[in-house]
Each structure stands twice: as structure tokens, then as C-alpha cells.
Amino acid sequence: MAKGKAKDPSKVRKLPKMECCESKSKCGRCPLRMLKEGTLPPGYTVKKRKLVRVDGKKVTKKKLAEVA
């Protein structure tokens, strides 16, 4: 099994992008869309179209993958 992959494909969660691409149709990983739907990982929010942590720490893909 590949490293970092979930065992059950039905439980795989999409990670949000680090920054919104500003397209009108909003892609599936858009942080703005995920925030609106409530699917953004806990402890994260969006400010000025960028993904940020609520506690003010730096957002890293590794930490984001652990939370999601």
C-alpha cells in the first residue's frame, strides 16, 4: 500500500488548496467553497482567499493532511 493513502477509498477526504484560484465555478478543493459547506478541517479558516489556521500558526500541507 502506498504511503499516506487511506485504506478505504470512501473515507478519503479532499484537502483544501492553500489559496483560492478565484474561478467563477469554484473547484472541488476551493477553501472558500469548503468553508461555506462546512467541510474545511477543524482549526482552519479562510482570510483574503488564503487558507489560514485559527490559532495563527503557519499552514503546512503536512499538518493539513494529519488533521483531515
N, C-alpha and C. Protein backbone atom coordinates (compact mmCIF):
# COMPACT_ATOMS: atom_id res chain seq x y z
N MET A 1 0.85 -1.18 0.00
CA MET A 1 0.00 0.00 0.00
C MET A 1 0.89 1.24 0.00
N ALA A 2 0.49 2.25 -0.77
CA ALA A 2 1.27 3.47 -0.88
C ALA A 2 1.27 4.24 0.43
N LYS A 3 2.35 4.91 0.68
CA LYS A 3 2.48 5.67 1.92
C LYS A 3 1.53 6.88 1.90
N GLY A 4 0.82 7.10 2.98
CA GLY A 4 -0.05 8.26 3.11
C GLY A 4 -1.44 8.07 2.53
N LYS A 5 -1.75 6.89 2.03
CA LYS A 5 -3.07 6.65 1.45
C LYS A 5 -3.99 6.03 2.49
N ALA A 6 -5.26 6.41 2.43
CA ALA A 6 -6.25 5.82 3.32
C ALA A 6 -6.58 4.41 2.84
N LYS A 7 -6.98 3.55 3.74
CA LYS A 7 -7.27 2.17 3.38
C LYS A 7 -8.59 2.05 2.63
N ASP A 8 -9.58 2.82 3.02
CA ASP A 8 -10.89 2.74 2.40
C ASP A 8 -11.11 3.98 1.53
N PRO A 9 -11.28 3.83 0.22
CA PRO A 9 -11.44 5.00 -0.64
C PRO A 9 -12.68 5.84 -0.31
N SER A 10 -13.69 5.25 0.33
CA SER A 10 -14.89 6.02 0.66
C SER A 10 -14.63 7.00 1.81
N LYS A 11 -13.54 6.78 2.57
CA LYS A 11 -13.25 7.66 3.70
C LYS A 11 -12.20 8.71 3.37
N VAL A 12 -11.74 8.78 2.12
CA VAL A 12 -10.73 9.75 1.73
C VAL A 12 -11.37 11.13 1.68
N ARG A 13 -10.73 12.09 2.36
CA ARG A 13 -11.24 13.46 2.35
C ARG A 13 -10.36 14.31 1.46
N LYS A 14 -10.98 15.20 0.71
CA LYS A 14 -10.21 16.09 -0.13
C LYS A 14 -9.62 17.19 0.74
N LEU A 15 -8.36 17.50 0.51
CA LEU A 15 -7.70 18.58 1.23
C LEU A 15 -7.96 19.89 0.49
N PRO A 16 -8.17 20.97 1.22
CA PRO A 16 -8.36 22.25 0.54
C PRO A 16 -7.06 22.76 -0.05
N LYS A 17 -7.17 23.56 -1.08
CA LYS A 17 -5.99 24.20 -1.65
C LYS A 17 -5.50 25.25 -0.67
N MET A 18 -4.27 25.69 -0.82
CA MET A 18 -3.71 26.70 0.07
C MET A 18 -4.27 28.08 -0.24
N GLU A 19 -4.69 28.28 -1.49
CA GLU A 19 -5.19 29.58 -1.91
C GLU A 19 -6.29 29.36 -2.95
N CYS A 20 -7.31 30.20 -2.92
CA CYS A 20 -8.41 30.11 -3.87
C CYS A 20 -7.92 30.52 -5.25
N CYS A 21 -8.34 29.78 -6.28
CA CYS A 21 -7.91 30.10 -7.65
C CYS A 21 -8.79 31.17 -8.29
N GLU A 22 -9.82 31.62 -7.59
CA GLU A 22 -10.70 32.71 -8.00
C GLU A 22 -11.52 32.42 -9.25
N SER A 23 -11.72 31.15 -9.58
CA SER A 23 -12.56 30.83 -10.73
C SER A 23 -14.03 30.99 -10.33
N LYS A 24 -14.86 31.33 -11.28
CA LYS A 24 -16.28 31.54 -11.00
C LYS A 24 -16.97 30.24 -10.59
N SER A 25 -16.56 29.12 -11.19
CA SER A 25 -17.25 27.86 -10.94
C SER A 25 -16.79 27.16 -9.66
N LYS A 26 -15.75 27.64 -8.99
CA LYS A 26 -15.23 27.10 -7.72
C LYS A 26 -14.94 25.59 -7.82
N CYS A 27 -13.67 25.27 -7.88
CA CYS A 27 -13.25 23.87 -7.99
C CYS A 27 -13.63 23.09 -6.72
N GLY A 28 -13.46 21.79 -6.74
CA GLY A 28 -13.85 20.92 -5.63
C GLY A 28 -13.02 21.10 -4.38
N ARG A 29 -11.81 21.66 -4.50
CA ARG A 29 -10.92 21.83 -3.34
C ARG A 29 -10.81 23.29 -2.90
N CYS A 30 -11.65 24.16 -3.42
CA CYS A 30 -11.59 25.58 -3.11
C CYS A 30 -11.84 25.80 -1.61
N PRO A 31 -10.93 26.49 -0.91
CA PRO A 31 -11.14 26.71 0.52
C PRO A 31 -12.39 27.53 0.82
N LEU A 32 -12.76 28.45 -0.06
CA LEU A 32 -13.98 29.25 0.15
C LEU A 32 -15.22 28.35 0.10
N ARG A 33 -15.27 27.46 -0.89
CA ARG A 33 -16.41 26.57 -1.03
C ARG A 33 -16.48 25.60 0.13
N MET A 34 -15.32 25.07 0.54
CA MET A 34 -15.29 24.13 1.66
C MET A 34 -15.70 24.80 2.96
N LEU A 35 -15.33 26.06 3.14
CA LEU A 35 -15.74 26.81 4.34
C LEU A 35 -17.25 26.98 4.36
N LYS A 36 -17.82 27.32 3.22
CA LYS A 36 -19.26 27.52 3.12
C LYS A 36 -20.03 26.23 3.37
N GLU A 37 -19.51 25.11 2.85
CA GLU A 37 -20.18 23.82 3.03
C GLU A 37 -19.93 23.21 4.40
N GLY A 38 -18.91 23.70 5.10
CA GLY A 38 -18.59 23.15 6.41
C GLY A 38 -17.68 21.94 6.35
N THR A 39 -16.99 21.73 5.22
CA THR A 39 -16.12 20.58 5.06
C THR A 39 -14.65 20.92 5.28
N LEU A 40 -14.36 22.15 5.66
CA LEU A 40 -12.99 22.56 5.95
C LEU A 40 -12.56 21.87 7.25
N PRO A 41 -11.31 21.38 7.34
CA PRO A 41 -10.87 20.71 8.56
C PRO A 41 -10.99 21.62 9.78
N PRO A 42 -11.22 21.07 10.97
CA PRO A 42 -11.34 21.90 12.17
C PRO A 42 -10.04 22.64 12.46
N GLY A 43 -10.17 23.88 12.89
CA GLY A 43 -8.99 24.68 13.22
C GLY A 43 -8.50 25.52 12.06
N TYR A 44 -9.18 25.46 10.92
CA TYR A 44 -8.78 26.23 9.74
C TYR A 44 -9.90 27.15 9.30
N THR A 45 -9.53 28.27 8.69
CA THR A 45 -10.49 29.22 8.14
C THR A 45 -9.87 29.86 6.91
N VAL A 46 -10.60 30.79 6.28
CA VAL A 46 -10.11 31.45 5.08
C VAL A 46 -10.13 32.96 5.31
N LYS A 47 -9.00 33.61 5.02
CA LYS A 47 -8.91 35.07 5.08
C LYS A 47 -8.23 35.56 3.81
N LYS A 48 -8.85 36.51 3.16
CA LYS A 48 -8.33 37.08 1.91
C LYS A 48 -8.02 36.00 0.88
N ARG A 49 -8.94 35.03 0.76
CA ARG A 49 -8.85 33.92 -0.19
C ARG A 49 -7.70 32.96 0.05
N LYS A 50 -7.08 33.02 1.24
CA LYS A 50 -6.00 32.11 1.59
C LYS A 50 -6.40 31.29 2.80
N LEU A 51 -5.96 30.05 2.82
CA LEU A 51 -6.23 29.14 3.93
C LEU A 51 -5.33 29.52 5.10
N VAL A 52 -5.90 29.74 6.28
CA VAL A 52 -5.13 30.08 7.47
C VAL A 52 -5.61 29.25 8.64
N ARG A 53 -4.76 29.13 9.65
CA ARG A 53 -5.14 28.44 10.88
C ARG A 53 -5.76 29.44 11.84
N VAL A 54 -6.71 28.97 12.62
CA VAL A 54 -7.41 29.82 13.57
C VAL A 54 -6.45 30.34 14.65
N ASP A 55 -5.49 29.48 15.07
CA ASP A 55 -4.56 29.88 16.12
C ASP A 55 -3.42 30.77 15.62
N GLY A 56 -3.38 31.06 14.32
CA GLY A 56 -2.38 31.98 13.78
C GLY A 56 -1.08 31.35 13.34
N LYS A 57 -0.91 30.04 13.54
CA LYS A 57 0.32 29.37 13.13
C LYS A 57 0.33 29.18 11.61
N LYS A 58 1.50 28.86 11.07
CA LYS A 58 1.66 28.70 9.64
C LYS A 58 0.97 27.42 9.16
N VAL A 59 0.32 27.49 8.02
CA VAL A 59 -0.36 26.35 7.41
C VAL A 59 0.66 25.56 6.59
N THR A 60 0.79 24.26 6.88
CA THR A 60 1.64 23.39 6.08
C THR A 60 0.82 22.23 5.56
N LYS A 61 1.18 21.72 4.40
CA LYS A 61 0.43 20.62 3.81
C LYS A 61 0.51 19.37 4.68
N LYS A 62 1.65 19.18 5.35
CA LYS A 62 1.82 18.00 6.20
C LYS A 62 0.85 18.04 7.38
N LYS A 63 0.76 19.17 8.06
CA LYS A 63 -0.17 19.31 9.19
C LYS A 63 -1.61 19.23 8.71
N LEU A 64 -1.89 19.81 7.55
CA LEU A 64 -3.23 19.79 7.00
C LEU A 64 -3.67 18.36 6.70
N ALA A 65 -2.76 17.55 6.17
CA ALA A 65 -3.07 16.16 5.88
C ALA A 65 -3.33 15.36 7.15
N GLU A 66 -2.61 15.68 8.23
CA GLU A 66 -2.81 14.98 9.51
C GLU A 66 -4.19 15.29 10.09
N VAL A 67 -4.64 16.54 9.96
CA VAL A 67 -5.91 16.95 10.54
C VAL A 67 -7.08 16.39 9.74
N ALA A 68 -6.94 16.36 8.44
CA ALA A 68 -8.06 15.96 7.58
C ALA A 68 -8.25 14.49 7.47
